[in-house]
Amino acid sequence: MITLCCFSQVIIGIRIYSVFKTKFETGKEVLNEMHQKYKNRPCRSYTFSQKNMHYRNYSIIGKSEWHGAIELPDKFRINFGAPEDENIVIFKNDSSYRYKNNQFNKKT
């Protein structure tokens, strides 16, 4: 399930709902609705949560959750794992900054 927020909340999963108070059957319908709403005044920042399943040899070997924030045009942050672990990647312009256990790890 992916949760996408843009001054409103859109949940994409088996069933799709939004603050538009409309049920959507597909992700394409959600994107079309968002396009209609924001085409003249685009939303500049989004937050989302993403649940992941990790596979090896067709079997699930783990699960994780990512929390992200985007500020257009050039800022993107992803928090990996449990919030208290503070494992983060920040993308700014053409660089990425990695933090592990809240300690700066690497710039690329």
PDB file of N, CA and C in Angstrom:
ATOM      1  N   MET A   1       0.844  -1.164   0.000  1.00  0.00           N
ATOM      2  CA  MET A   1       0.000   0.000   0.000  1.00  0.00           C
ATOM      3  C   MET A   1       0.894   1.233   0.000  1.00  0.00           C
ATOM      4  N   ILE A   2       0.565   2.204  -0.806  1.00  0.00           N
ATOM      5  CA  ILE A   2       1.301   3.460  -0.876  1.00  0.00           C
ATOM      6  C   ILE A   2       0.355   4.564  -0.429  1.00  0.00           C
ATOM      7  N   THR A   3       0.813   5.417   0.448  1.00  0.00           N
ATOM      8  CA  THR A   3       0.036   6.577   0.857  1.00  0.00           C
ATOM      9  C   THR A   3       0.720   7.804   0.287  1.00  0.00           C
ATOM     10  N   LEU A   4       0.009   8.601  -0.452  1.00  0.00           N
ATOM     11  CA  LEU A   4       0.553   9.800  -1.082  1.00  0.00           C
ATOM     12  C   LEU A   4      -0.252  10.986  -0.577  1.00  0.00           C
ATOM     13  N   CYS A   5       0.437  12.004  -0.060  1.00  0.00           N
ATOM     14  CA  CYS A   5      -0.261  13.178   0.459  1.00  0.00           C
ATOM     15  C   CYS A   5       0.133  14.416  -0.320  1.00  0.00           C
ATOM     16  N   CYS A   6      -0.845  15.205  -0.684  1.00  0.00           N
ATOM     17  CA  CYS A   6      -0.596  16.490  -1.337  1.00  0.00           C
ATOM     18  C   CYS A   6      -1.703  17.425  -0.892  1.00  0.00           C
ATOM     19  N   PHE A   7      -1.538  18.021   0.269  1.00  0.00           N
ATOM     20  CA  PHE A   7      -2.576  18.825   0.877  1.00  0.00           C
ATOM     21  C   PHE A   7      -3.863  18.027   0.981  1.00  0.00           C
ATOM     22  N   SER A   8      -3.747  16.759   0.733  1.00  0.00           N
ATOM     23  CA  SER A   8      -4.848  15.822   0.833  1.00  0.00           C
ATOM     24  C   SER A   8      -4.193  14.457   0.895  1.00  0.00           C
ATOM     25  N   GLN A   9      -4.949  13.430   1.126  1.00  0.00           N
ATOM     26  CA  GLN A   9      -4.347  12.111   1.243  1.00  0.00           C
ATOM     27  C   GLN A   9      -4.982  11.178   0.235  1.00  0.00           C
ATOM     28  N   VAL A  10      -4.127  10.446  -0.469  1.00  0.00           N
ATOM     29  CA  VAL A  10      -4.577   9.462  -1.438  1.00  0.00           C
ATOM     30  C   VAL A  10      -3.966   8.140  -1.023  1.00  0.00           C
ATOM     31  N   ILE A  11      -4.766   7.115  -0.879  1.00  0.00           N
ATOM     32  CA  ILE A  11      -4.251   5.807  -0.517  1.00  0.00           C
ATOM     33  C   ILE A  11      -4.438   4.890  -1.713  1.00  0.00           C
ATOM     34  N   ILE A  12      -3.327   4.291  -2.163  1.00  0.00           N
ATOM     35  CA  ILE A  12      -3.374   3.389  -3.301  1.00  0.00           C
ATOM     36  C   ILE A  12      -3.149   1.979  -2.783  1.00  0.00           C
ATOM     37  N   GLY A  13      -4.053   1.092  -3.044  1.00  0.00           N
ATOM     38  CA  GLY A  13      -3.935  -0.287  -2.607  1.00  0.00           C
ATOM     39  C   GLY A  13      -4.933  -1.122  -3.382  1.00  0.00           C
ATOM     40  N   ILE A  14      -5.465  -2.143  -2.759  1.00  0.00           N
ATOM     41  CA  ILE A  14      -6.467  -2.967  -3.426  1.00  0.00           C
ATOM     42  C   ILE A  14      -7.681  -2.107  -3.760  1.00  0.00           C
ATOM     43  N   ARG A  15      -8.112  -1.314  -2.822  1.00  0.00           N
ATOM     44  CA  ARG A  15      -9.162  -0.328  -3.040  1.00  0.00           C
ATOM     45  C   ARG A  15      -8.513   1.035  -2.908  1.00  0.00           C
ATOM     46  N   ILE A  16      -8.910   1.973  -3.699  1.00  0.00           N
ATOM     47  CA  ILE A  16      -8.276   3.283  -3.700  1.00  0.00           C
ATOM     48  C   ILE A  16      -9.295   4.325  -3.230  1.00  0.00           C
ATOM     49  N   TYR A  17      -8.897   5.109  -2.219  1.00  0.00           N
ATOM     50  CA  TYR A  17      -9.753   6.151  -1.681  1.00  0.00           C
ATOM     51  C   TYR A  17      -8.955   7.456  -1.632  1.00  0.00           C
ATOM     52  N   SER A  18      -9.633   8.543  -1.541  1.00  0.00           N
ATOM     53  CA  SER A  18      -8.938   9.823  -1.395  1.00  0.00           C
ATOM     54  C   SER A  18      -9.832  10.799  -0.666  1.00  0.00           C
ATOM     55  N   VAL A  19      -9.289  11.977  -0.392  1.00  0.00           N
ATOM     56  CA  VAL A  19     -10.112  12.997   0.238  1.00  0.00           C
ATOM     57  C   VAL A  19     -11.081  13.610  -0.760  1.00  0.00           C
ATOM     58  N   PHE A  20     -11.012  13.173  -2.011  1.00  0.00           N
ATOM     59  CA  PHE A  20     -11.985  13.622  -2.985  1.00  0.00           C
ATOM     60  C   PHE A  20     -13.349  12.975  -2.703  1.00  0.00           C
ATOM     61  N   LYS A  21     -13.417  12.071  -1.719  1.00  0.00           N
ATOM     62  CA  LYS A  21     -14.639  11.369  -1.328  1.00  0.00           C
ATOM     63  C   LYS A  21     -15.180  10.511  -2.474  1.00  0.00           C
ATOM     64  N   THR A  22     -14.263  10.019  -3.300  1.00  0.00           N
ATOM     65  CA  THR A  22     -14.629   9.169  -4.423  1.00  0.00           C
ATOM     66  C   THR A  22     -13.810   7.894  -4.340  1.00  0.00           C
ATOM     67  N   LYS A  23     -14.414   6.775  -4.681  1.00  0.00           N
ATOM     68  CA  LYS A  23     -13.664   5.528  -4.746  1.00  0.00           C
ATOM     69  C   LYS A  23     -13.092   5.378  -6.144  1.00  0.00           C
ATOM     70  N   PHE A  24     -11.833   5.022  -6.200  1.00  0.00           N
ATOM     71  CA  PHE A  24     -11.174   4.806  -7.474  1.00  0.00           C
ATOM     72  C   PHE A  24     -10.876   3.322  -7.625  1.00  0.00           C
ATOM     73  N   GLU A  25     -10.967   2.838  -8.814  1.00  0.00           N
ATOM     74  CA  GLU A  25     -10.670   1.434  -9.071  1.00  0.00           C
ATOM     75  C   GLU A  25      -9.226   1.220  -9.508  1.00  0.00           C
ATOM     76  N   THR A  26      -8.590   2.235 -10.054  1.00  0.00           N
ATOM     77  CA  THR A  26      -7.216   2.088 -10.545  1.00  0.00           C
ATOM     78  C   THR A  26      -6.370   3.284 -10.135  1.00  0.00           C
ATOM     79  N   GLY A  27      -5.068   3.077 -10.141  1.00  0.00           N
ATOM     80  CA  GLY A  27      -4.141   4.167  -9.875  1.00  0.00           C
ATOM     81  C   GLY A  27      -4.236   5.247 -10.940  1.00  0.00           C
ATOM     82  N   LYS A  28      -4.540   4.856 -12.172  1.00  0.00           N
ATOM     83  CA  LYS A  28      -4.674   5.820 -13.265  1.00  0.00           C
ATOM     84  C   LYS A  28      -5.805   6.808 -12.971  1.00  0.00           C
ATOM     85  N   GLU A  29      -6.904   6.309 -12.402  1.00  0.00           N
ATOM     86  CA  GLU A  29      -8.012   7.195 -12.044  1.00  0.00           C
ATOM     87  C   GLU A  29      -7.590   8.206 -10.988  1.00  0.00           C
ATOM     88  N   VAL A  30      -6.786   7.775 -10.010  1.00  0.00           N
ATOM     89  CA  VAL A  30      -6.287   8.684  -8.973  1.00  0.00           C
ATOM     90  C   VAL A  30      -5.436   9.771  -9.612  1.00  0.00           C
ATOM     91  N   LEU A  31      -4.495   9.360 -10.488  1.00  0.00           N
ATOM     92  CA  LEU A  31      -3.615  10.331 -11.135  1.00  0.00           C
ATOM     93  C   LEU A  31      -4.396  11.302 -12.008  1.00  0.00           C
ATOM     94  N   ASN A  32      -5.403  10.818 -12.720  1.00  0.00           N
ATOM     95  CA  ASN A  32      -6.230  11.713 -13.540  1.00  0.00           C
ATOM     96  C   ASN A  32      -6.947  12.737 -12.672  1.00  0.00           C
ATOM     97  N   GLU A  33      -7.495  12.298 -11.527  1.00  0.00           N
ATOM     98  CA  GLU A  33      -8.180  13.214 -10.613  1.00  0.00           C
ATOM     99  C   GLU A  33      -7.207  14.254 -10.056  1.00  0.00           C
ATOM    100  N   MET A  34      -6.010  13.804  -9.662  1.00  0.00           N
ATOM    101  CA  MET A  34      -5.009  14.742  -9.144  1.00  0.00           C
ATOM    102  C   MET A  34      -4.575  15.728 -10.225  1.00  0.00           C
ATOM    103  N   HIS A  35      -4.427  15.243 -11.450  1.00  0.00           N
ATOM    104  CA  HIS A  35      -4.051  16.129 -12.556  1.00  0.00           C
ATOM    105  C   HIS A  35      -5.107  17.217 -12.743  1.00  0.00           C
ATOM    106  N   GLN A  36      -6.380  16.817 -12.748  1.00  0.00           N
ATOM    107  CA  GLN A  36      -7.451  17.796 -12.906  1.00  0.00           C
ATOM    108  C   GLN A  36      -7.449  18.823 -11.776  1.00  0.00           C
ATOM    109  N   LYS A  37      -7.189  18.351 -10.561  1.00  0.00           N
ATOM    110  CA  LYS A  37      -7.217  19.253  -9.409  1.00  0.00           C
ATOM    111  C   LYS A  37      -6.028  20.214  -9.392  1.00  0.00           C
ATOM    112  N   TYR A  38      -4.839  19.739  -9.793  1.00  0.00           N
ATOM    113  CA  TYR A  38      -3.620  20.527  -9.618  1.00  0.00           C
ATOM    114  C   TYR A  38      -2.989  21.034 -10.912  1.00  0.00           C
ATOM    115  N   LYS A  39      -3.628  20.871 -12.062  1.00  0.00           N
ATOM    116  CA  LYS A  39      -2.978  21.252 -13.311  1.00  0.00           C
ATOM    117  C   LYS A  39      -2.724  22.751 -13.427  1.00  0.00           C
ATOM    118  N   ASN A  40      -3.545  23.579 -12.807  1.00  0.00           N
ATOM    119  CA  ASN A  40      -3.353  25.025 -12.886  1.00  0.00           C
ATOM    120  C   ASN A  40      -2.556  25.586 -11.715  1.00  0.00           C
ATOM    121  N   ARG A  41      -2.437  24.837 -10.641  1.00  0.00           N
ATOM    122  CA  ARG A  41      -1.668  25.240  -9.464  1.00  0.00           C
ATOM    123  C   ARG A  41      -1.092  23.968  -8.842  1.00  0.00           C
ATOM    124  N   PRO A  42       0.016  23.521  -9.395  1.00  0.00           N
ATOM    125  CA  PRO A  42       0.551  22.223  -8.972  1.00  0.00           C
ATOM    126  C   PRO A  42       0.940  22.183  -7.501  1.00  0.00           C
ATOM    127  N   CYS A  43       0.761  21.013  -6.945  1.00  0.00           N
ATOM    128  CA  CYS A  43       1.194  20.747  -5.586  1.00  0.00           C
ATOM    129  C   CYS A  43       2.717  20.643  -5.599  1.00  0.00           C
ATOM    130  N   ARG A  44       3.397  21.341  -4.716  1.00  0.00           N
ATOM    131  CA  ARG A  44       4.861  21.378  -4.743  1.00  0.00           C
ATOM    132  C   ARG A  44       5.497  20.427  -3.744  1.00  0.00           C
ATOM    133  N   SER A  45       4.712  19.871  -2.818  1.00  0.00           N
ATOM    134  CA  SER A  45       5.313  18.943  -1.868  1.00  0.00           C
ATOM    135  C   SER A  45       4.368  17.771  -1.609  1.00  0.00           C
ATOM    136  N   TYR A  46       4.969  16.601  -1.431  1.00  0.00           N
ATOM    137  CA  TYR A  46       4.237  15.361  -1.222  1.00  0.00           C
ATOM    138  C   TYR A  46       4.907  14.575  -0.100  1.00  0.00           C
ATOM    139  N   THR A  47       4.139  13.792   0.611  1.00  0.00           N
ATOM    140  CA  THR A  47       4.699  12.798   1.520  1.00  0.00           C
ATOM    141  C   THR A  47       4.051  11.466   1.184  1.00  0.00           C
ATOM    142  N   PHE A  48       4.759  10.391   1.476  1.00  0.00           N
ATOM    143  CA  PHE A  48       4.197   9.070   1.200  1.00  0.00           C
ATOM    144  C   PHE A  48       4.801   8.041   2.128  1.00  0.00           C
ATOM    145  N   SER A  49       4.086   6.941   2.295  1.00  0.00           N
ATOM    146  CA  SER A  49       4.586   5.763   3.005  1.00  0.00           C
ATOM    147  C   SER A  49       4.434   4.590   2.053  1.00  0.00           C
ATOM    148  N   GLN A  50       5.404   3.717   2.066  1.00  0.00           N
ATOM    149  CA  GLN A  50       5.408   2.586   1.144  1.00  0.00           C
ATOM    150  C   GLN A  50       5.796   1.324   1.890  1.00  0.00           C
ATOM    151  N   LYS A  51       4.957   0.312   1.828  1.00  0.00           N
ATOM    152  CA  LYS A  51       5.265  -0.978   2.448  1.00  0.00           C
ATOM    153  C   LYS A  51       5.852  -1.889   1.378  1.00  0.00           C
ATOM    154  N   ASN A  52       6.968  -2.540   1.707  1.00  0.00           N
ATOM    155  CA  ASN A  52       7.704  -3.368   0.753  1.00  0.00           C
ATOM    156  C   ASN A  52       7.804  -4.802   1.241  1.00  0.00           C
ATOM    157  N   MET A  53       7.828  -5.727   0.300  1.00  0.00           N
ATOM    158  CA  MET A  53       8.106  -7.132   0.594  1.00  0.00           C
ATOM    159  C   MET A  53       9.369  -7.506  -0.173  1.00  0.00           C
ATOM    160  N   HIS A  54      10.301  -8.159   0.510  1.00  0.00           N
ATOM    161  CA  HIS A  54      11.580  -8.543  -0.088  1.00  0.00           C
ATOM    162  C   HIS A  54      11.533 -10.027  -0.424  1.00  0.00           C
ATOM    163  N   TYR A  55      11.899 -10.345  -1.657  1.00  0.00           N
ATOM    164  CA  TYR A  55      11.797 -11.718  -2.151  1.00  0.00           C
ATOM    165  C   TYR A  55      13.169 -12.303  -2.452  1.00  0.00           C
ATOM    166  N   ARG A  56      13.277 -13.606  -2.288  1.00  0.00           N
ATOM    167  CA  ARG A  56      14.420 -14.382  -2.761  1.00  0.00           C
ATOM    168  C   ARG A  56      13.862 -15.745  -3.171  1.00  0.00           C
ATOM    169  N   ASN A  57      14.155 -16.149  -4.378  1.00  0.00           N
ATOM    170  CA  ASN A  57      13.678 -17.439  -4.891  1.00  0.00           C
ATOM    171  C   ASN A  57      12.166 -17.604  -4.719  1.00  0.00           C
ATOM    172  N   TYR A  58      11.426 -16.573  -5.084  1.00  0.00           N
ATOM    173  CA  TYR A  58       9.963 -16.584  -5.055  1.00  0.00           C
ATOM    174  C   TYR A  58       9.370 -16.691  -3.646  1.00  0.00           C
ATOM    175  N   SER A  59      10.152 -16.437  -2.623  1.00  0.00           N
ATOM    176  CA  SER A  59       9.657 -16.468  -1.252  1.00  0.00           C
ATOM    177  C   SER A  59       9.904 -15.114  -0.584  1.00  0.00           C
ATOM    178  N   ILE A  60       8.977 -14.705   0.241  1.00  0.00           N
ATOM    179  CA  ILE A  60       9.154 -13.461   0.991  1.00  0.00           C
ATOM    180  C   ILE A  60      10.142 -13.718   2.114  1.00  0.00           C
ATOM    181  N   ILE A  61      11.239 -12.940   2.119  1.00  0.00           N
ATOM    182  CA  ILE A  61      12.257 -13.109   3.159  1.00  0.00           C
ATOM    183  C   ILE A  61      12.286 -11.940   4.136  1.00  0.00           C
ATOM    184  N   GLY A  62      11.493 -10.920   3.863  1.00  0.00           N
ATOM    185  CA  GLY A  62      11.447  -9.789   4.779  1.00  0.00           C
ATOM    186  C   GLY A  62      10.469  -8.733   4.315  1.00  0.00           C
ATOM    187  N   LYS A  63      10.200  -7.806   5.198  1.00  0.00           N
ATOM    188  CA  LYS A  63       9.310  -6.685   4.899  1.00  0.00           C
ATOM    189  C   LYS A  63       9.948  -5.413   5.437  1.00  0.00           C
ATOM    190  N   SER A  64       9.617  -4.296   4.813  1.00  0.00           N
ATOM    191  CA  SER A  64      10.102  -3.006   5.297  1.00  0.00           C
ATOM    192  C   SER A  64       9.088  -1.931   4.958  1.00  0.00           C
ATOM    193  N   GLU A  65       9.279  -0.782   5.558  1.00  0.00           N
ATOM    194  CA  GLU A  65       8.413   0.360   5.270  1.00  0.00           C
ATOM    195  C   GLU A  65       9.281   1.583   5.071  1.00  0.00           C
ATOM    196  N   TRP A  66       8.996   2.329   4.037  1.00  0.00           N
ATOM    197  CA  TRP A  66       9.707   3.566   3.740  1.00  0.00           C
ATOM    198  C   TRP A  66       8.745   4.731   3.922  1.00  0.00           C
ATOM    199  N   HIS A  67       9.278   5.847   4.386  1.00  0.00           N
ATOM    200  CA  HIS A  67       8.516   7.087   4.496  1.00  0.00           C
ATOM    201  C   HIS A  67       9.288   8.140   3.727  1.00  0.00           C
ATOM    202  N   GLY A  68       8.626   8.802   2.817  1.00  0.00           N
ATOM    203  CA  GLY A  68       9.325   9.765   1.977  1.00  0.00           C
ATOM    204  C   GLY A  68       8.640  11.111   1.952  1.00  0.00           C
ATOM    205  N   ALA A  69       9.412  12.095   1.543  1.00  0.00           N
ATOM    206  CA  ALA A  69       8.899  13.450   1.358  1.00  0.00           C
ATOM    207  C   ALA A  69       9.586  14.044   0.140  1.00  0.00           C
ATOM    208  N   ILE A  70       8.804  14.687  -0.697  1.00  0.00           N
ATOM    209  CA  ILE A  70       9.315  15.308  -1.912  1.00  0.00           C
ATOM    210  C   ILE A  70       8.900  16.762  -1.901  1.00  0.00           C
ATOM    211  N   GLU A  71       9.846  17.638  -2.193  1.00  0.00           N
ATOM    212  CA  GLU A  71       9.541  19.048  -2.409  1.00  0.00           C
ATOM    213  C   GLU A  71      10.101  19.404  -3.769  1.00  0.00           C
ATOM    214  N   LEU A  72       9.213  19.671  -4.701  1.00  0.00           N
ATOM    215  CA  LEU A  72       9.631  19.954  -6.067  1.00  0.00           C
ATOM    216  C   LEU A  72      10.300  21.310  -6.143  1.00  0.00           C
ATOM    217  N   PRO A  73      11.334  21.476  -6.958  1.00  0.00           N
ATOM    218  CA  PRO A  73      11.765  20.546  -7.987  1.00  0.00           C
ATOM    219  C   PRO A  73      12.945  19.650  -7.607  1.00  0.00           C
ATOM    220  N   ASP A  74      13.572  19.821  -6.446  1.00  0.00           N
ATOM    221  CA  ASP A  74      14.880  19.172  -6.283  1.00  0.00           C
ATOM    222  C   ASP A  74      15.171  18.577  -4.905  1.00  0.00           C
ATOM    223  N   LYS A  75      14.164  18.303  -4.096  1.00  0.00           N
ATOM    224  CA  LYS A  75      14.420  17.761  -2.762  1.00  0.00           C
ATOM    225  C   LYS A  75      13.602  16.493  -2.559  1.00  0.00           C
ATOM    226  N   PHE A  76      14.272  15.439  -2.066  1.00  0.00           N
ATOM    227  CA  PHE A  76      13.610  14.152  -1.865  1.00  0.00           C
ATOM    228  C   PHE A  76      14.281  13.460  -0.688  1.00  0.00           C
ATOM    229  N   ARG A  77      13.497  12.984   0.265  1.00  0.00           N
ATOM    230  CA  ARG A  77      14.018  12.316   1.457  1.00  0.00           C
ATOM    231  C   ARG A  77      13.273  11.004   1.653  1.00  0.00           C
ATOM    232  N   ILE A  78      14.024   9.933   1.969  1.00  0.00           N
ATOM    233  CA  ILE A  78      13.425   8.644   2.278  1.00  0.00           C
ATOM    234  C   ILE A  78      13.960   8.188   3.630  1.00  0.00           C
ATOM    235  N   ASN A  79      13.051   7.815   4.538  1.00  0.00           N
ATOM    236  CA  ASN A  79      13.409   7.195   5.810  1.00  0.00           C
ATOM    237  C   ASN A  79      13.159   5.703   5.661  1.00  0.00           C
ATOM    238  N   PHE A  80      14.175   4.898   5.955  1.00  0.00           N
ATOM    239  CA  PHE A  80      14.082   3.451   5.832  1.00  0.00           C
ATOM    240  C   PHE A  80      13.933   2.813   7.202  1.00  0.00           C
ATOM    241  N   GLY A  81      13.092   1.795   7.297  1.00  0.00           N
ATOM    242  CA  GLY A  81      12.994   1.036   8.535  1.00  0.00           C
ATOM    243  C   GLY A  81      12.297   1.781   9.643  1.00  0.00           C
ATOM    244  N   ALA A  82      12.577   1.349  10.856  1.00  0.00           N
ATOM    245  CA  ALA A  82      11.943   1.931  12.042  1.00  0.00           C
ATOM    246  C   ALA A  82      12.398   3.379  12.230  1.00  0.00           C
ATOM    247  N   PRO A  83      11.481   4.276  12.592  1.00  0.00           N
ATOM    248  CA  PRO A  83      11.853   5.682  12.765  1.00  0.00           C
ATOM    249  C   PRO A  83      12.990   5.896  13.757  1.00  0.00           C
ATOM    250  N   GLU A  84      13.045   5.087  14.824  1.00  0.00           N
ATOM    251  CA  GLU A  84      14.099   5.274  15.825  1.00  0.00           C
ATOM    252  C   GLU A  84      15.493   4.910  15.289  1.00  0.00           C
ATOM    253  N   ASP A  85      15.564   4.139  14.191  1.00  0.00           N
ATOM    254  CA  ASP A  85      16.856   3.801  13.592  1.00  0.00           C
ATOM    255  C   ASP A  85      17.459   4.970  12.822  1.00  0.00           C
ATOM    256  N   GLU A  86      16.616   5.877  12.379  1.00  0.00           N
ATOM    257  CA  GLU A  86      17.029   7.076  11.658  1.00  0.00           C
ATOM    258  C   GLU A  86      17.983   6.775  10.508  1.00  0.00           C
ATOM    259  N   ASN A  87      17.588   5.836   9.647  1.00  0.00           N
ATOM    260  CA  ASN A  87      18.313   5.540   8.413  1.00  0.00           C
ATOM    261  C   ASN A  87      17.641   6.320   7.294  1.00  0.00           C
ATOM    262  N   ILE A  88      18.389   7.269   6.735  1.00  0.00           N
ATOM    263  CA  ILE A  88      17.805   8.275   5.841  1.00  0.00           C
ATOM    264  C   ILE A  88      18.693   8.452   4.613  1.00  0.00           C
ATOM    265  N   VAL A  89      18.052   8.707   3.477  1.00  0.00           N
ATOM    266  CA  VAL A  89      18.760   9.189   2.292  1.00  0.00           C
ATOM    267  C   VAL A  89      18.081  10.484   1.882  1.00  0.00           C
ATOM    268  N   ILE A  90      18.882  11.516   1.663  1.00  0.00           N
ATOM    269  CA  ILE A  90      18.377  12.805   1.199  1.00  0.00           C
ATOM    270  C   ILE A  90      18.977  13.063  -0.177  1.00  0.00           C
ATOM    271  N   PHE A  91      18.110  13.350  -1.144  1.00  0.00           N
ATOM    272  CA  PHE A  91      18.546  13.713  -2.488  1.00  0.00           C
ATOM    273  C   PHE A  91      18.308  15.206  -2.641  1.00  0.00           C
ATOM    274  N   LYS A  92      19.345  15.944  -2.974  1.00  0.00           N
ATOM    275  CA  LYS A  92      19.248  17.398  -3.166  1.00  0.00           C
ATOM    276  C   LYS A  92      20.035  17.749  -4.414  1.00  0.00           C
ATOM    277  N   ASN A  93      19.355  18.375  -5.358  1.00  0.00           N
ATOM    278  CA  ASN A  93      19.960  18.699  -6.651  1.00  0.00           C
ATOM    279  C   ASN A  93      20.523  17.424  -7.266  1.00  0.00           C
ATOM    280  N   ASP A  94      21.833  17.359  -7.467  1.00  0.00           N
ATOM    281  CA  ASP A  94      22.427  16.171  -8.102  1.00  0.00           C
ATOM    282  C   ASP A  94      23.229  15.316  -7.120  1.00  0.00           C
ATOM    283  N   SER A  95      22.981  15.462  -5.827  1.00  0.00           N
ATOM    284  CA  SER A  95      23.738  14.721  -4.819  1.00  0.00           C
ATOM    285  C   SER A  95      22.801  13.930  -3.909  1.00  0.00           C
ATOM    286  N   SER A  96      23.344  12.896  -3.282  1.00  0.00           N
ATOM    287  CA  SER A  96      22.592  12.167  -2.261  1.00  0.00           C
ATOM    288  C   SER A  96      23.425  12.114  -0.993  1.00  0.00           C
ATOM    289  N   TYR A  97      22.759  12.158   0.141  1.00  0.00           N
ATOM    290  CA  TYR A  97      23.392  12.162   1.452  1.00  0.00           C
ATOM    291  C   TYR A  97      22.783  11.026   2.251  1.00  0.00           C
ATOM    292  N   ARG A  98      23.621  10.126   2.746  1.00  0.00           N
ATOM    293  CA  ARG A  98      23.141   8.954   3.473  1.00  0.00           C
ATOM    294  C   ARG A  98      23.476   9.063   4.948  1.00  0.00           C
ATOM    295  N   TYR A  99      22.486   8.740   5.767  1.00  0.00           N
ATOM    296  CA  TYR A  99      22.646   8.718   7.220  1.00  0.00           C
ATOM    297  C   TYR A  99      22.263   7.337   7.716  1.00  0.00           C
ATOM    298  N   LYS A 100      23.082   6.778   8.582  1.00  0.00           N
ATOM    299  CA  LYS A 100      22.770   5.500   9.207  1.00  0.00           C
ATOM    300  C   LYS A 100      22.854   5.703  10.714  1.00  0.00           C
ATOM    301  N   ASN A 101      21.807   5.300  11.416  1.00  0.00           N
ATOM    302  CA  ASN A 101      21.709   5.537  12.863  1.00  0.00           C
ATOM    303  C   ASN A 101      21.976   6.990  13.217  1.00  0.00           C
ATOM    304  N   ASN A 102      21.396   7.875  12.423  1.00  0.00           N
ATOM    305  CA  ASN A 102      21.477   9.325  12.604  1.00  0.00           C
ATOM    306  C   ASN A 102      22.892   9.884  12.473  1.00  0.00           C
ATOM    307  N   GLN A 103      23.802   9.118  11.896  1.00  0.00           N
ATOM    308  CA  GLN A 103      25.175   9.580  11.668  1.00  0.00           C
ATOM    309  C   GLN A 103      25.407   9.703  10.169  1.00  0.00           C
ATOM    310  N   PHE A 104      26.000  10.833   9.751  1.00  0.00           N
ATOM    311  CA  PHE A 104      26.305  11.017   8.331  1.00  0.00           C
ATOM    312  C   PHE A 104      27.226   9.898   7.880  1.00  0.00           C
ATOM    313  N   ASN A 105      26.884   9.260   6.760  1.00  0.00           N
ATOM    314  CA  ASN A 105      27.618   8.094   6.288  1.00  0.00           C
ATOM    315  C   ASN A 105      28.354   8.370   4.991  1.00  0.00           C
ATOM    316  N   LYS A 106      27.666   8.958   3.990  1.00  0.00           N
ATOM    317  CA  LYS A 106      28.277   9.078   2.670  1.00  0.00           C
ATOM    318  C   LYS A 106      27.538  10.097   1.820  1.00  0.00           C
ATOM    319  N   LYS A 107      28.307  10.836   1.023  1.00  0.00           N
ATOM    320  CA  LYS A 107      27.739  11.721   0.010  1.00  0.00           C
ATOM    321  C   LYS A 107      28.122  11.164  -1.354  1.00  0.00           C
ATOM    322  N   THR A 108      27.156  11.104  -2.257  1.00  0.00           N
ATOM    323  CA  THR A 108      27.446  10.658  -3.622  1.00  0.00           C
ATOM    324  C   THR A 108      26.913  11.647  -4.619  1.00  0.00           C
TER     325      THR A 108
END
